[in-house]
Amino acid sequence: MRYFIILIILLAGCSTSQEELMPVAPDTTMQNLWQQQSGGNASLLDARAQLRRPPDVSPAQAAYTRDARSEIRQQFPRLPNPDMVLYVFPHLNGNTPVPGYSTVFPFYTRPQYALPGERLTPP
């Protein structure tokens, strides 16, 4: 009984209403809230938009630009995964004829990656 009362007191202490937490009119939009909190300063919105622009990289510079994807692929290249092509002859599945078809099986079940410094081509 004592634990039940303590639990009720703890739950009552943690409960709040939305009106107490955020006293906002129901027709207020997020943009209006932003403008009220920033004092109606449009330069903050312009600064945020400027930060979100992608960097201007020309196609000639793209090959020399470093990003996480190119760094990982350069350090850990994927090893070739040869495929085995298998032809399944026409057959019957019960009374239903199944036409012949080809299917491909990779030799490795998962992609294999070279360790840093491993050669992919023979010297």
N, C-alpha and C. Protein backbone atom coordinates (compact mmCIF):
# COMPACT_ATOMS: atom_id res chain seq x y z
N MET A 1 0.83 -1.19 0.00
CA MET A 1 0.00 0.00 0.00
C MET A 1 0.87 1.26 0.00
N ARG A 2 1.94 1.22 0.79
CA ARG A 2 2.83 2.37 0.89
C ARG A 2 3.50 2.65 -0.46
N TYR A 3 3.90 1.56 -1.18
CA TYR A 3 4.55 1.74 -2.48
C TYR A 3 3.57 2.30 -3.51
N PHE A 4 2.33 1.91 -3.41
CA PHE A 4 1.30 2.41 -4.32
C PHE A 4 1.12 3.92 -4.15
N ILE A 5 1.10 4.39 -2.92
CA ILE A 5 0.94 5.83 -2.64
C ILE A 5 2.16 6.59 -3.15
N ILE A 6 3.35 6.05 -2.95
CA ILE A 6 4.58 6.70 -3.43
C ILE A 6 4.57 6.76 -4.95
N LEU A 7 4.12 5.69 -5.59
CA LEU A 7 4.04 5.67 -7.05
C LEU A 7 3.07 6.71 -7.57
N ILE A 8 1.93 6.86 -6.94
CA ILE A 8 0.94 7.86 -7.36
C ILE A 8 1.49 9.26 -7.17
N ILE A 9 2.19 9.51 -6.08
CA ILE A 9 2.77 10.84 -5.85
C ILE A 9 3.83 11.14 -6.90
N LEU A 10 4.67 10.15 -7.24
CA LEU A 10 5.70 10.37 -8.26
C LEU A 10 5.08 10.64 -9.63
N LEU A 11 4.05 9.88 -9.99
CA LEU A 11 3.41 10.09 -11.29
C LEU A 11 2.69 11.44 -11.34
N ALA A 12 2.10 11.85 -10.25
CA ALA A 12 1.43 13.15 -10.22
C ALA A 12 2.44 14.28 -10.31
N GLY A 13 3.61 14.10 -9.72
CA GLY A 13 4.64 15.13 -9.78
C GLY A 13 5.24 15.29 -11.15
N CYS A 14 5.23 14.22 -11.95
CA CYS A 14 5.81 14.28 -13.29
C CYS A 14 4.82 14.71 -14.35
N SER A 15 3.55 14.79 -14.03
CA SER A 15 2.56 15.13 -15.04
C SER A 15 2.46 16.64 -15.20
N THR A 16 2.40 17.07 -16.44
CA THR A 16 2.20 18.48 -16.76
C THR A 16 1.18 18.56 -17.88
N SER A 17 0.62 19.71 -18.05
CA SER A 17 -0.31 19.90 -19.16
C SER A 17 0.40 20.66 -20.27
N GLN A 18 -0.09 20.51 -21.47
CA GLN A 18 0.51 21.18 -22.61
C GLN A 18 0.37 22.69 -22.50
N GLU A 19 -0.71 23.15 -21.93
CA GLU A 19 -0.92 24.59 -21.80
C GLU A 19 0.11 25.20 -20.84
N GLU A 20 0.45 24.47 -19.78
CA GLU A 20 1.46 24.99 -18.85
C GLU A 20 2.84 24.99 -19.50
N LEU A 21 3.11 23.95 -20.29
CA LEU A 21 4.42 23.81 -20.89
C LEU A 21 4.61 24.78 -22.05
N MET A 22 3.60 24.89 -22.93
CA MET A 22 3.68 25.77 -24.09
C MET A 22 2.39 26.55 -24.21
N PRO A 23 2.28 27.70 -23.58
CA PRO A 23 1.04 28.49 -23.69
C PRO A 23 0.98 29.20 -25.04
N VAL A 24 0.41 28.53 -26.03
CA VAL A 24 0.37 29.05 -27.40
C VAL A 24 -1.07 28.95 -27.89
N ALA A 25 -1.46 29.93 -28.67
CA ALA A 25 -2.79 29.89 -29.29
C ALA A 25 -2.82 28.74 -30.30
N PRO A 26 -3.95 28.07 -30.46
CA PRO A 26 -4.00 26.90 -31.35
C PRO A 26 -3.78 27.21 -32.82
N ASP A 27 -3.98 28.46 -33.26
CA ASP A 27 -3.81 28.79 -34.68
C ASP A 27 -2.41 29.32 -34.99
N THR A 28 -1.50 29.26 -34.03
CA THR A 28 -0.14 29.76 -34.25
C THR A 28 0.68 28.72 -35.00
N THR A 29 1.41 29.17 -36.03
CA THR A 29 2.25 28.26 -36.80
C THR A 29 3.67 28.30 -36.26
N MET A 30 4.48 27.35 -36.68
CA MET A 30 5.88 27.30 -36.26
C MET A 30 6.64 28.53 -36.77
N GLN A 31 6.30 29.01 -37.95
CA GLN A 31 6.99 30.19 -38.47
C GLN A 31 6.68 31.40 -37.61
N ASN A 32 5.43 31.55 -37.17
CA ASN A 32 5.09 32.67 -36.29
C ASN A 32 5.84 32.56 -34.96
N LEU A 33 5.91 31.35 -34.41
CA LEU A 33 6.68 31.16 -33.17
C LEU A 33 8.13 31.52 -33.36
N TRP A 34 8.72 31.12 -34.49
CA TRP A 34 10.12 31.43 -34.77
C TRP A 34 10.33 32.94 -34.85
N GLN A 35 9.44 33.61 -35.54
CA GLN A 35 9.57 35.06 -35.68
C GLN A 35 9.39 35.77 -34.35
N GLN A 36 8.50 35.27 -33.49
CA GLN A 36 8.31 35.88 -32.18
C GLN A 36 9.55 35.69 -31.32
N GLN A 37 10.12 34.50 -31.34
CA GLN A 37 11.28 34.22 -30.50
C GLN A 37 12.53 34.93 -31.00
N SER A 38 12.64 35.12 -32.32
CA SER A 38 13.82 35.80 -32.86
C SER A 38 13.63 37.30 -32.92
N GLY A 39 12.51 37.79 -32.49
CA GLY A 39 12.26 39.23 -32.51
C GLY A 39 11.91 39.72 -33.89
N GLY A 40 11.46 38.83 -34.79
CA GLY A 40 11.09 39.24 -36.15
C GLY A 40 12.29 39.53 -37.01
N ASN A 41 13.46 39.04 -36.61
CA ASN A 41 14.70 39.31 -37.33
C ASN A 41 14.81 38.34 -38.50
N ALA A 42 14.70 38.84 -39.71
CA ALA A 42 14.77 38.00 -40.91
C ALA A 42 16.19 37.58 -41.23
N SER A 43 17.18 38.28 -40.67
CA SER A 43 18.57 37.91 -40.97
C SER A 43 18.92 36.54 -40.43
N LEU A 44 18.25 36.12 -39.34
CA LEU A 44 18.50 34.78 -38.82
C LEU A 44 18.03 33.72 -39.80
N LEU A 45 16.88 33.96 -40.42
CA LEU A 45 16.39 33.02 -41.42
C LEU A 45 17.32 32.97 -42.62
N ASP A 46 17.83 34.13 -43.03
CA ASP A 46 18.77 34.17 -44.15
C ASP A 46 20.06 33.44 -43.81
N ALA A 47 20.53 33.59 -42.57
CA ALA A 47 21.76 32.92 -42.15
C ALA A 47 21.57 31.41 -42.16
N ARG A 48 20.42 30.93 -41.71
CA ARG A 48 20.15 29.49 -41.73
C ARG A 48 20.10 28.97 -43.16
N ALA A 49 19.46 29.72 -44.06
CA ALA A 49 19.37 29.28 -45.45
C ALA A 49 20.75 29.25 -46.09
N GLN A 50 21.60 30.19 -45.72
CA GLN A 50 22.95 30.23 -46.27
C GLN A 50 23.77 29.04 -45.81
N LEU A 51 23.58 28.62 -44.58
CA LEU A 51 24.33 27.48 -44.06
C LEU A 51 23.90 26.17 -44.70
N ARG A 52 22.68 26.08 -45.17
CA ARG A 52 22.17 24.84 -45.74
C ARG A 52 22.51 24.66 -47.21
N ARG A 53 23.11 25.66 -47.85
CA ARG A 53 23.44 25.51 -49.26
C ARG A 53 24.56 24.49 -49.43
N PRO A 54 24.48 23.64 -50.47
CA PRO A 54 25.59 22.72 -50.71
C PRO A 54 26.81 23.50 -51.22
N PRO A 55 28.01 23.00 -51.00
CA PRO A 55 29.19 23.71 -51.49
C PRO A 55 29.21 23.73 -53.01
N ASP A 56 29.69 24.84 -53.56
CA ASP A 56 29.78 24.97 -55.01
C ASP A 56 31.05 24.27 -55.48
N VAL A 57 30.88 23.11 -56.10
CA VAL A 57 32.01 22.34 -56.60
C VAL A 57 31.80 22.11 -58.08
N SER A 58 32.77 22.51 -58.87
CA SER A 58 32.66 22.30 -60.31
C SER A 58 32.95 20.84 -60.62
N PRO A 59 32.50 20.36 -61.79
CA PRO A 59 32.77 18.96 -62.14
C PRO A 59 34.26 18.64 -62.19
N ALA A 60 35.09 19.63 -62.58
CA ALA A 60 36.53 19.39 -62.62
C ALA A 60 37.09 19.21 -61.21
N GLN A 61 36.51 19.90 -60.23
CA GLN A 61 37.00 19.79 -58.86
C GLN A 61 36.38 18.61 -58.12
N ALA A 62 35.31 18.03 -58.65
CA ALA A 62 34.61 16.96 -57.94
C ALA A 62 35.51 15.75 -57.72
N ALA A 63 36.40 15.46 -58.68
CA ALA A 63 37.29 14.31 -58.52
C ALA A 63 38.29 14.53 -57.40
N TYR A 64 38.58 15.77 -57.06
CA TYR A 64 39.57 16.07 -56.03
C TYR A 64 38.94 16.44 -54.69
N THR A 65 37.61 16.47 -54.64
CA THR A 65 36.93 16.84 -53.42
C THR A 65 36.82 15.62 -52.51
N ARG A 66 37.16 15.79 -51.24
CA ARG A 66 37.12 14.69 -50.29
C ARG A 66 35.78 14.67 -49.58
N ASP A 67 35.19 13.51 -49.50
CA ASP A 67 34.01 13.31 -48.68
C ASP A 67 34.11 11.92 -48.05
N ALA A 68 33.23 11.63 -47.13
CA ALA A 68 33.33 10.38 -46.37
C ALA A 68 33.19 9.17 -47.29
N ARG A 69 32.29 9.24 -48.25
CA ARG A 69 32.07 8.09 -49.13
C ARG A 69 33.31 7.76 -49.94
N SER A 70 33.94 8.78 -50.55
CA SER A 70 35.12 8.51 -51.36
C SER A 70 36.29 8.05 -50.50
N GLU A 71 36.41 8.58 -49.28
CA GLU A 71 37.49 8.16 -48.40
C GLU A 71 37.35 6.69 -48.02
N ILE A 72 36.14 6.26 -47.69
CA ILE A 72 35.92 4.87 -47.30
C ILE A 72 36.15 3.95 -48.49
N ARG A 73 35.62 4.31 -49.64
CA ARG A 73 35.80 3.46 -50.83
C ARG A 73 37.26 3.39 -51.26
N GLN A 74 38.02 4.45 -51.01
CA GLN A 74 39.43 4.44 -51.39
C GLN A 74 40.23 3.57 -50.42
N GLN A 75 39.93 3.64 -49.13
CA GLN A 75 40.67 2.85 -48.15
C GLN A 75 40.24 1.39 -48.12
N PHE A 76 38.95 1.13 -48.29
CA PHE A 76 38.42 -0.22 -48.21
C PHE A 76 37.65 -0.55 -49.49
N PRO A 77 38.36 -0.83 -50.60
CA PRO A 77 37.63 -1.14 -51.84
C PRO A 77 36.97 -2.52 -51.75
N ARG A 78 35.88 -2.67 -52.46
CA ARG A 78 35.20 -3.97 -52.50
C ARG A 78 35.98 -4.94 -53.36
N LEU A 79 36.11 -6.16 -52.88
CA LEU A 79 36.77 -7.20 -53.66
C LEU A 79 35.80 -7.73 -54.69
N PRO A 80 36.33 -8.20 -55.82
CA PRO A 80 35.42 -8.74 -56.83
C PRO A 80 34.72 -9.98 -56.29
N ASN A 81 33.45 -10.10 -56.59
CA ASN A 81 32.65 -11.23 -56.16
C ASN A 81 32.16 -11.95 -57.42
N PRO A 82 32.88 -12.98 -57.87
CA PRO A 82 32.47 -13.64 -59.11
C PRO A 82 31.11 -14.31 -58.97
N ASP A 83 30.40 -14.37 -60.08
CA ASP A 83 29.08 -14.97 -60.10
C ASP A 83 29.13 -16.32 -60.83
N MET A 84 28.29 -17.23 -60.39
CA MET A 84 28.13 -18.51 -61.07
C MET A 84 26.71 -18.51 -61.66
N VAL A 85 26.63 -18.66 -62.98
CA VAL A 85 25.34 -18.68 -63.66
C VAL A 85 24.91 -20.14 -63.77
N LEU A 86 23.73 -20.43 -63.31
CA LEU A 86 23.22 -21.80 -63.31
C LEU A 86 21.95 -21.83 -64.16
N TYR A 87 21.90 -22.80 -65.07
CA TYR A 87 20.71 -22.96 -65.89
C TYR A 87 19.89 -24.09 -65.30
N VAL A 88 18.61 -23.83 -65.06
CA VAL A 88 17.69 -24.84 -64.56
C VAL A 88 16.86 -25.30 -65.75
N PHE A 89 16.96 -26.61 -66.04
CA PHE A 89 16.25 -27.17 -67.18
C PHE A 89 14.74 -27.15 -66.95
N PRO A 90 13.96 -27.17 -68.02
CA PRO A 90 12.50 -27.24 -67.85
C PRO A 90 12.13 -28.51 -67.07
N HIS A 91 11.18 -28.37 -66.18
CA HIS A 91 10.79 -29.50 -65.34
C HIS A 91 9.33 -29.36 -64.92
N LEU A 92 8.84 -30.37 -64.23
CA LEU A 92 7.47 -30.35 -63.72
C LEU A 92 7.51 -30.13 -62.22
N ASN A 93 6.63 -29.27 -61.74
CA ASN A 93 6.44 -29.07 -60.31
C ASN A 93 5.06 -29.64 -59.99
N GLY A 94 5.03 -30.92 -59.63
CA GLY A 94 3.74 -31.60 -59.51
C GLY A 94 3.21 -31.84 -60.90
N ASN A 95 2.08 -31.24 -61.23
CA ASN A 95 1.52 -31.32 -62.58
C ASN A 95 1.73 -30.04 -63.36
N THR A 96 2.42 -29.06 -62.76
CA THR A 96 2.61 -27.77 -63.41
C THR A 96 3.97 -27.73 -64.10
N PRO A 97 3.99 -27.46 -65.42
CA PRO A 97 5.29 -27.36 -66.10
C PRO A 97 5.97 -26.03 -65.76
N VAL A 98 7.27 -26.10 -65.53
CA VAL A 98 8.07 -24.91 -65.24
C VAL A 98 9.07 -24.76 -66.38
N PRO A 99 9.08 -23.60 -67.08
CA PRO A 99 10.03 -23.44 -68.19
C PRO A 99 11.46 -23.32 -67.65
N GLY A 100 12.42 -23.54 -68.52
CA GLY A 100 13.81 -23.40 -68.14
C GLY A 100 14.16 -21.94 -67.90
N TYR A 101 15.08 -21.70 -66.97
CA TYR A 101 15.50 -20.33 -66.65
C TYR A 101 16.93 -20.35 -66.13
N SER A 102 17.53 -19.19 -66.16
CA SER A 102 18.89 -19.03 -65.62
C SER A 102 18.81 -18.24 -64.33
N THR A 103 19.71 -18.56 -63.40
CA THR A 103 19.80 -17.83 -62.15
C THR A 103 21.27 -17.60 -61.83
N VAL A 104 21.55 -16.60 -61.02
CA VAL A 104 22.92 -16.21 -60.71
C VAL A 104 23.15 -16.38 -59.22
N PHE A 105 24.27 -17.03 -58.88
CA PHE A 105 24.68 -17.19 -57.49
C PHE A 105 26.03 -16.51 -57.30
N PRO A 106 26.13 -15.55 -56.39
CA PRO A 106 27.46 -15.00 -56.11
C PRO A 106 28.25 -16.01 -55.28
N PHE A 107 29.57 -16.04 -55.44
CA PHE A 107 30.39 -16.98 -54.68
C PHE A 107 30.41 -16.64 -53.20
N TYR A 108 30.43 -15.37 -52.89
CA TYR A 108 30.43 -14.96 -51.48
C TYR A 108 29.01 -14.53 -51.10
N THR A 109 28.59 -14.86 -49.88
CA THR A 109 27.24 -14.49 -49.45
C THR A 109 27.16 -13.02 -49.09
N ARG A 110 28.28 -12.43 -48.68
CA ARG A 110 28.31 -11.01 -48.32
C ARG A 110 29.42 -10.32 -49.10
N PRO A 111 29.35 -9.02 -49.27
CA PRO A 111 30.44 -8.31 -49.94
C PRO A 111 31.71 -8.41 -49.10
N GLN A 112 32.83 -8.62 -49.76
CA GLN A 112 34.12 -8.70 -49.09
C GLN A 112 34.89 -7.41 -49.40
N TYR A 113 35.61 -6.89 -48.41
CA TYR A 113 36.35 -5.65 -48.57
C TYR A 113 37.83 -5.89 -48.35
N ALA A 114 38.65 -5.20 -49.12
CA ALA A 114 40.09 -5.28 -48.96
C ALA A 114 40.52 -4.46 -47.76
N LEU A 115 41.54 -4.93 -47.07
CA LEU A 115 42.09 -4.16 -45.95
C LEU A 115 42.95 -3.05 -46.49
N PRO A 116 43.19 -1.99 -45.70
CA PRO A 116 44.07 -0.91 -46.18
C PRO A 116 45.44 -1.47 -46.55
N GLY A 117 45.90 -1.15 -47.73
CA GLY A 117 47.22 -1.58 -48.20
C GLY A 117 47.17 -2.85 -49.01
N GLU A 118 46.08 -3.59 -49.04
CA GLU A 118 45.99 -4.80 -49.85
C GLU A 118 45.84 -4.42 -51.31
N ARG A 119 46.50 -5.20 -52.15
CA ARG A 119 46.43 -4.95 -53.59
C ARG A 119 45.23 -5.65 -54.19
N LEU A 120 44.59 -4.99 -55.12
CA LEU A 120 43.48 -5.61 -55.83
C LEU A 120 43.92 -6.21 -57.15
N THR A 121 45.02 -5.71 -57.71
CA THR A 121 45.53 -6.21 -58.98
C THR A 121 46.91 -6.81 -58.75
N PRO A 122 47.27 -7.81 -59.51
CA PRO A 122 48.61 -8.39 -59.34
C PRO A 122 49.68 -7.39 -59.74
N PRO A 123 50.89 -7.49 -59.16
CA PRO A 123 51.95 -6.50 -59.47
C PRO A 123 52.43 -6.56 -60.88
